[in-house]
Amino acid sequence: MFICECGRQFSRKCDLSKHKNNFCGKKKISIHMGYETFINEQGKETFVHRDVMENHLGRKLRDDEHVHHKDENKRNNDPENLEVILITNHIRLHLHDISREKRKIISDKISNTKIKNRHKIAGVKLNETKVLEIRERLKTKESLTSIGKDYGVDRTTIRSIRDGNSWVNII
């Protein structure tokens, strides 16, 4: 057993070395929603996997980028296990985790009730048909908020479609 100065234990010396090189001594590690976090120099809680990827890439991640754990182990922050993908693709990638029945329940809940932040409900997504409909409505200069409410997404999602930052493969 190898023990770091911060108290974290490792079964392999190479894991301890990776830990020390990437995090230890600089930051205190804790767990938030299953992910390792630390307090950065500005005093803000930051996800370790995002910090690892930013260091690996040598740049800050954009707001529309997520870091995906290839092996789906939220605590495996080895750069070889991480990949940067767009938020929309990340959601699509994990939709298989939600059963068809659960998606139906979520969909029914959204259409049958007025939920203030319905775009935040897990499993809500757009499909190609809806994106094409949204693009048609955008041509009429309808408000982003109005369109977003009808499709259960935030206006920023509609803006991203309008500006060509998401769903670019749909013509």
C-alpha atoms as a PDB file:
ATOM      1  CA  MET A   1       0.000   0.000   0.000  1.00  0.00           C
ATOM      2  CA  PHE A   2       1.326   3.429  -0.985  1.00  0.00           C
ATOM      3  CA  ILE A   3       0.094   6.466   0.939  1.00  0.00           C
ATOM      4  CA  CYS A   4       0.337  10.056  -0.274  1.00  0.00           C
ATOM      5  CA  GLU A   5       1.005  13.008   2.037  1.00  0.00           C
ATOM      6  CA  CYS A   6      -2.644  14.017   1.575  1.00  0.00           C
ATOM      7  CA  GLY A   7      -3.722  10.651   3.051  1.00  0.00           C
ATOM      8  CA  ARG A   8      -5.017   9.049  -0.145  1.00  0.00           C
ATOM      9  CA  GLN A   9      -4.047   5.371  -0.513  1.00  0.00           C
ATOM     10  CA  PHE A  10      -2.932   3.586  -3.680  1.00  0.00           C
ATOM     11  CA  SER A  11      -2.270  -0.062  -4.388  1.00  0.00           C
ATOM     12  CA  ARG A  12       0.302   0.718  -7.091  1.00  0.00           C
ATOM     13  CA  LYS A  13       3.273   3.074  -6.915  1.00  0.00           C
ATOM     14  CA  CYS A  14       2.605   4.368 -10.455  1.00  0.00           C
ATOM     15  CA  ASP A  15      -0.897   5.500  -9.378  1.00  0.00           C
ATOM     16  CA  LEU A  16       0.626   7.374  -6.461  1.00  0.00           C
ATOM     17  CA  SER A  17       3.100   9.062  -8.840  1.00  0.00           C
ATOM     18  CA  LYS A  18       0.327  10.130 -11.230  1.00  0.00           C
ATOM     19  CA  HIS A  19      -1.656  11.484  -8.292  1.00  0.00           C
ATOM     20  CA  LYS A  20       1.291  13.495  -6.973  1.00  0.00           C
ATOM     21  CA  ASN A  21       2.177  14.885 -10.406  1.00  0.00           C
ATOM     22  CA  ASN A  22      -1.362  15.973 -11.219  1.00  0.00           C
ATOM     23  CA  PHE A  23      -2.997  16.998  -7.959  1.00  0.00           C
ATOM     24  CA  CYS A  24      -1.305  16.488  -4.634  1.00  0.00           C
ATOM     25  CA  GLY A  25       0.391  19.299  -2.862  1.00  0.00           C
ATOM     26  CA  LYS A  26      -1.567  21.787  -4.955  1.00  0.00           C
ATOM     27  CA  LYS A  27      -5.146  20.920  -4.124  1.00  0.00           C
ATOM     28  CA  LYS A  28      -7.387  19.118  -1.638  1.00  0.00           C
ATOM     29  CA  ILE A  29      -9.395  16.370  -3.288  1.00  0.00           C
ATOM     30  CA  SER A  30     -12.989  15.600  -2.348  1.00  0.00           C
ATOM     31  CA  ILE A  31     -15.946  13.909  -4.023  1.00  0.00           C
ATOM     32  CA  HIS A  32     -18.946  15.694  -5.565  1.00  0.00           C
ATOM     33  CA  MET A  33     -21.650  13.722  -7.405  1.00  0.00           C
ATOM     34  CA  GLY A  34     -19.193  10.815  -7.695  1.00  0.00           C
ATOM     35  CA  TYR A  35     -16.483  12.959  -9.320  1.00  0.00           C
ATOM     36  CA  GLU A  36     -13.225  14.058  -7.681  1.00  0.00           C
ATOM     37  CA  THR A  37     -13.077  17.813  -7.093  1.00  0.00           C
ATOM     38  CA  PHE A  38     -10.634  20.299  -5.654  1.00  0.00           C
ATOM     39  CA  ILE A  39     -10.547  23.964  -4.732  1.00  0.00           C
ATOM     40  CA  ASN A  40      -8.560  25.850  -7.371  1.00  0.00           C
ATOM     41  CA  GLU A  41      -6.327  28.897  -6.874  1.00  0.00           C
ATOM     42  CA  GLN A  42      -9.351  31.202  -7.200  1.00  0.00           C
ATOM     43  CA  GLY A  43     -11.161  29.318  -4.418  1.00  0.00           C
ATOM     44  CA  LYS A  44     -13.659  27.691  -6.820  1.00  0.00           C
ATOM     45  CA  GLU A  45     -14.582  24.000  -6.688  1.00  0.00           C
ATOM     46  CA  THR A  46     -13.290  22.358  -9.884  1.00  0.00           C
ATOM     47  CA  PHE A  47     -13.678  18.853 -11.261  1.00  0.00           C
ATOM     48  CA  VAL A  48     -10.367  16.982 -11.393  1.00  0.00           C
ATOM     49  CA  HIS A  49     -11.154  15.357 -14.762  1.00  0.00           C
ATOM     50  CA  ARG A  50     -11.663  18.791 -16.364  1.00  0.00           C
ATOM     51  CA  ASP A  51      -8.404  20.086 -14.853  1.00  0.00           C
ATOM     52  CA  VAL A  52      -6.509  17.002 -16.041  1.00  0.00           C
ATOM     53  CA  MET A  53      -7.847  17.424 -19.574  1.00  0.00           C
ATOM     54  CA  GLU A  54      -7.123  21.171 -19.649  1.00  0.00           C
ATOM     55  CA  ASN A  55      -3.532  20.474 -18.571  1.00  0.00           C
ATOM     56  CA  HIS A  56      -3.261  17.666 -21.124  1.00  0.00           C
ATOM     57  CA  LEU A  57      -4.572  19.882 -23.958  1.00  0.00           C
ATOM     58  CA  GLY A  58      -2.741  22.991 -22.793  1.00  0.00           C
ATOM     59  CA  ARG A  59      -5.912  25.116 -22.973  1.00  0.00           C
ATOM     60  CA  LYS A  60      -9.134  25.821 -21.108  1.00  0.00           C
ATOM     61  CA  LEU A  61     -12.175  23.778 -22.094  1.00  0.00           C
ATOM     62  CA  ARG A  62     -14.965  25.639 -23.850  1.00  0.00           C
ATOM     63  CA  ASP A  63     -18.397  25.887 -22.228  1.00  0.00           C
ATOM     64  CA  ASP A  64     -19.832  23.449 -24.803  1.00  0.00           C
ATOM     65  CA  GLU A  65     -17.217  20.762 -24.074  1.00  0.00           C
ATOM     66  CA  HIS A  66     -17.532  17.900 -21.612  1.00  0.00           C
ATOM     67  CA  VAL A  67     -14.880  15.438 -20.497  1.00  0.00           C
ATOM     68  CA  HIS A  68     -16.034  11.840 -20.898  1.00  0.00           C
ATOM     69  CA  HIS A  69     -14.603   8.957 -18.863  1.00  0.00           C
ATOM     70  CA  LYS A  70     -14.165   6.183 -21.462  1.00  0.00           C
ATOM     71  CA  ASP A  71     -14.443   3.401 -18.867  1.00  0.00           C
ATOM     72  CA  GLU A  72     -17.344   5.241 -17.136  1.00  0.00           C
ATOM     73  CA  ASN A  73     -15.395   5.219 -13.843  1.00  0.00           C
ATOM     74  CA  LYS A  74     -15.844   8.786 -12.580  1.00  0.00           C
ATOM     75  CA  ARG A  75     -12.705   8.556 -10.455  1.00  0.00           C
ATOM     76  CA  ASN A  76     -10.364   7.264 -13.175  1.00  0.00           C
ATOM     77  CA  ASN A  77      -8.839  10.574 -14.233  1.00  0.00           C
ATOM     78  CA  ASP A  78      -5.957   9.155 -16.226  1.00  0.00           C
ATOM     79  CA  PRO A  79      -5.629  11.307 -19.390  1.00  0.00           C
ATOM     80  CA  GLU A  80      -5.728   8.109 -21.469  1.00  0.00           C
ATOM     81  CA  ASN A  81      -9.196   7.409 -20.041  1.00  0.00           C
ATOM     82  CA  LEU A  82     -10.551  10.890 -20.767  1.00  0.00           C
ATOM     83  CA  GLU A  83     -11.824  12.431 -23.988  1.00  0.00           C
ATOM     84  CA  VAL A  84     -13.293  15.830 -24.823  1.00  0.00           C
ATOM     85  CA  ILE A  85     -16.684  15.745 -26.531  1.00  0.00           C
ATOM     86  CA  LEU A  86     -19.455  18.254 -27.152  1.00  0.00           C
ATOM     87  CA  ILE A  87     -22.170  18.338 -24.494  1.00  0.00           C
ATOM     88  CA  THR A  88     -24.818  17.253 -27.000  1.00  0.00           C
ATOM     89  CA  ASN A  89     -22.751  14.240 -28.041  1.00  0.00           C
ATOM     90  CA  HIS A  90     -22.062  13.381 -24.403  1.00  0.00           C
ATOM     91  CA  ILE A  91     -25.766  13.368 -23.600  1.00  0.00           C
ATOM     92  CA  ARG A  92     -26.454  11.249 -26.683  1.00  0.00           C
ATOM     93  CA  LEU A  93     -23.677   8.852 -25.653  1.00  0.00           C
ATOM     94  CA  HIS A  94     -25.255   8.233 -22.243  1.00  0.00           C
ATOM     95  CA  LEU A  95     -28.879   8.033 -23.386  1.00  0.00           C
ATOM     96  CA  HIS A  96     -28.532   4.263 -23.671  1.00  0.00           C
ATOM     97  CA  ASP A  97     -28.275   4.271 -19.863  1.00  0.00           C
ATOM     98  CA  ILE A  98     -31.866   5.460 -19.644  1.00  0.00           C
ATOM     99  CA  SER A  99     -34.456   2.813 -20.393  1.00  0.00           C
ATOM    100  CA  ARG A 100     -37.126   3.401 -23.025  1.00  0.00           C
ATOM    101  CA  GLU A 101     -39.783   3.298 -20.283  1.00  0.00           C
ATOM    102  CA  LYS A 102     -38.003   5.949 -18.233  1.00  0.00           C
ATOM    103  CA  ARG A 103     -37.637   8.187 -21.312  1.00  0.00           C
ATOM    104  CA  LYS A 104     -41.383   7.805 -21.935  1.00  0.00           C
ATOM    105  CA  ILE A 105     -42.191   8.701 -18.326  1.00  0.00           C
ATOM    106  CA  ILE A 106     -39.952  11.769 -18.532  1.00  0.00           C
ATOM    107  CA  SER A 107     -41.478  12.789 -21.859  1.00  0.00           C
ATOM    108  CA  ASP A 108     -45.023  12.402 -20.481  1.00  0.00           C
ATOM    109  CA  LYS A 109     -44.104  14.370 -17.373  1.00  0.00           C
ATOM    110  CA  ILE A 110     -42.845  17.251 -19.496  1.00  0.00           C
ATOM    111  CA  SER A 111     -45.827  17.363 -21.825  1.00  0.00           C
ATOM    112  CA  ASN A 112     -48.464  16.947 -19.092  1.00  0.00           C
ATOM    113  CA  THR A 113     -47.152  19.433 -16.546  1.00  0.00           C
ATOM    114  CA  LYS A 114     -45.780  22.922 -16.493  1.00  0.00           C
ATOM    115  CA  ILE A 115     -42.301  22.547 -15.103  1.00  0.00           C
ATOM    116  CA  LYS A 116     -40.283  25.711 -14.595  1.00  0.00           C
ATOM    117  CA  ASN A 117     -36.917  24.241 -15.627  1.00  0.00           C
ATOM    118  CA  ARG A 118     -38.025  21.274 -17.675  1.00  0.00           C
ATOM    119  CA  HIS A 119     -34.862  21.427 -19.791  1.00  0.00           C
ATOM    120  CA  LYS A 120     -32.974  20.208 -16.705  1.00  0.00           C
ATOM    121  CA  ILE A 121     -34.822  16.896 -16.454  1.00  0.00           C
ATOM    122  CA  ALA A 122     -32.512  13.992 -17.285  1.00  0.00           C
ATOM    123  CA  GLY A 123     -33.246  12.202 -20.532  1.00  0.00           C
ATOM    124  CA  VAL A 124     -34.850  15.144 -22.336  1.00  0.00           C
ATOM    125  CA  LYS A 125     -33.389  15.464 -25.799  1.00  0.00           C
ATOM    126  CA  LEU A 126     -33.950  16.804 -29.243  1.00  0.00           C
ATOM    127  CA  ASN A 127     -34.048  14.658 -32.325  1.00  0.00           C
ATOM    128  CA  GLU A 128     -33.344  15.461 -35.982  1.00  0.00           C
ATOM    129  CA  THR A 129     -36.986  16.198 -36.771  1.00  0.00           C
ATOM    130  CA  LYS A 130     -37.308  18.612 -33.853  1.00  0.00           C
ATOM    131  CA  VAL A 131     -34.069  20.383 -34.789  1.00  0.00           C
ATOM    132  CA  LEU A 132     -35.344  20.886 -38.348  1.00  0.00           C
ATOM    133  CA  GLU A 133     -38.606  22.270 -36.927  1.00  0.00           C
ATOM    134  CA  ILE A 134     -36.650  24.583 -34.630  1.00  0.00           C
ATOM    135  CA  ARG A 135     -34.596  25.874 -37.555  1.00  0.00           C
ATOM    136  CA  GLU A 136     -37.793  26.667 -39.465  1.00  0.00           C
ATOM    137  CA  ARG A 137     -39.185  28.547 -36.479  1.00  0.00           C
ATOM    138  CA  LEU A 138     -35.913  30.453 -36.097  1.00  0.00           C
ATOM    139  CA  LYS A 139     -36.397  31.783 -39.646  1.00  0.00           C
ATOM    140  CA  THR A 140     -39.611  33.476 -38.462  1.00  0.00           C
ATOM    141  CA  LYS A 141     -37.653  35.439 -35.818  1.00  0.00           C
ATOM    142  CA  GLU A 142     -39.660  33.816 -33.016  1.00  0.00           C
ATOM    143  CA  SER A 143     -38.030  34.256 -29.606  1.00  0.00           C
ATOM    144  CA  LEU A 144     -35.489  31.682 -28.466  1.00  0.00           C
ATOM    145  CA  THR A 145     -37.264  31.329 -25.121  1.00  0.00           C
ATOM    146  CA  SER A 146     -40.613  30.602 -26.764  1.00  0.00           C
ATOM    147  CA  ILE A 147     -39.144  27.929 -29.032  1.00  0.00           C
ATOM    148  CA  GLY A 148     -37.172  26.432 -26.156  1.00  0.00           C
ATOM    149  CA  LYS A 149     -40.268  26.106 -23.970  1.00  0.00           C
ATOM    150  CA  ASP A 150     -42.108  24.231 -26.704  1.00  0.00           C
ATOM    151  CA  TYR A 151     -39.288  21.700 -27.014  1.00  0.00           C
ATOM    152  CA  GLY A 152     -38.398  21.411 -23.332  1.00  0.00           C
ATOM    153  CA  VAL A 153     -34.930  22.951 -23.700  1.00  0.00           C
ATOM    154  CA  ASP A 154     -33.271  26.153 -22.593  1.00  0.00           C
ATOM    155  CA  ARG A 155     -32.961  29.169 -24.900  1.00  0.00           C
ATOM    156  CA  THR A 156     -29.184  28.659 -24.904  1.00  0.00           C
ATOM    157  CA  THR A 157     -29.746  25.316 -26.628  1.00  0.00           C
ATOM    158  CA  ILE A 158     -31.855  27.054 -29.277  1.00  0.00           C
ATOM    159  CA  ARG A 159     -29.181  29.745 -29.643  1.00  0.00           C
ATOM    160  CA  SER A 160     -26.539  27.038 -30.070  1.00  0.00           C
ATOM    161  CA  ILE A 161     -28.605  25.486 -32.887  1.00  0.00           C
ATOM    162  CA  ARG A 162     -29.141  28.910 -34.488  1.00  0.00           C
ATOM    163  CA  ASP A 163     -25.460  29.809 -34.317  1.00  0.00           C
ATOM    164  CA  GLY A 164     -24.337  26.456 -35.720  1.00  0.00           C
ATOM    165  CA  ASN A 165     -22.575  25.297 -32.554  1.00  0.00           C
ATOM    166  CA  SER A 166     -24.685  22.164 -32.146  1.00  0.00           C
ATOM    167  CA  TRP A 167     -26.565  19.807 -34.431  1.00  0.00           C
ATOM    168  CA  VAL A 168     -24.317  20.911 -37.282  1.00  0.00           C
ATOM    169  CA  ASN A 169     -24.679  17.518 -38.973  1.00  0.00           C
ATOM    170  CA  ILE A 170     -28.425  18.134 -39.533  1.00  0.00           C
ATOM    171  CA  ILE A 171     -29.113  20.043 -42.733  1.00  0.00           C
END
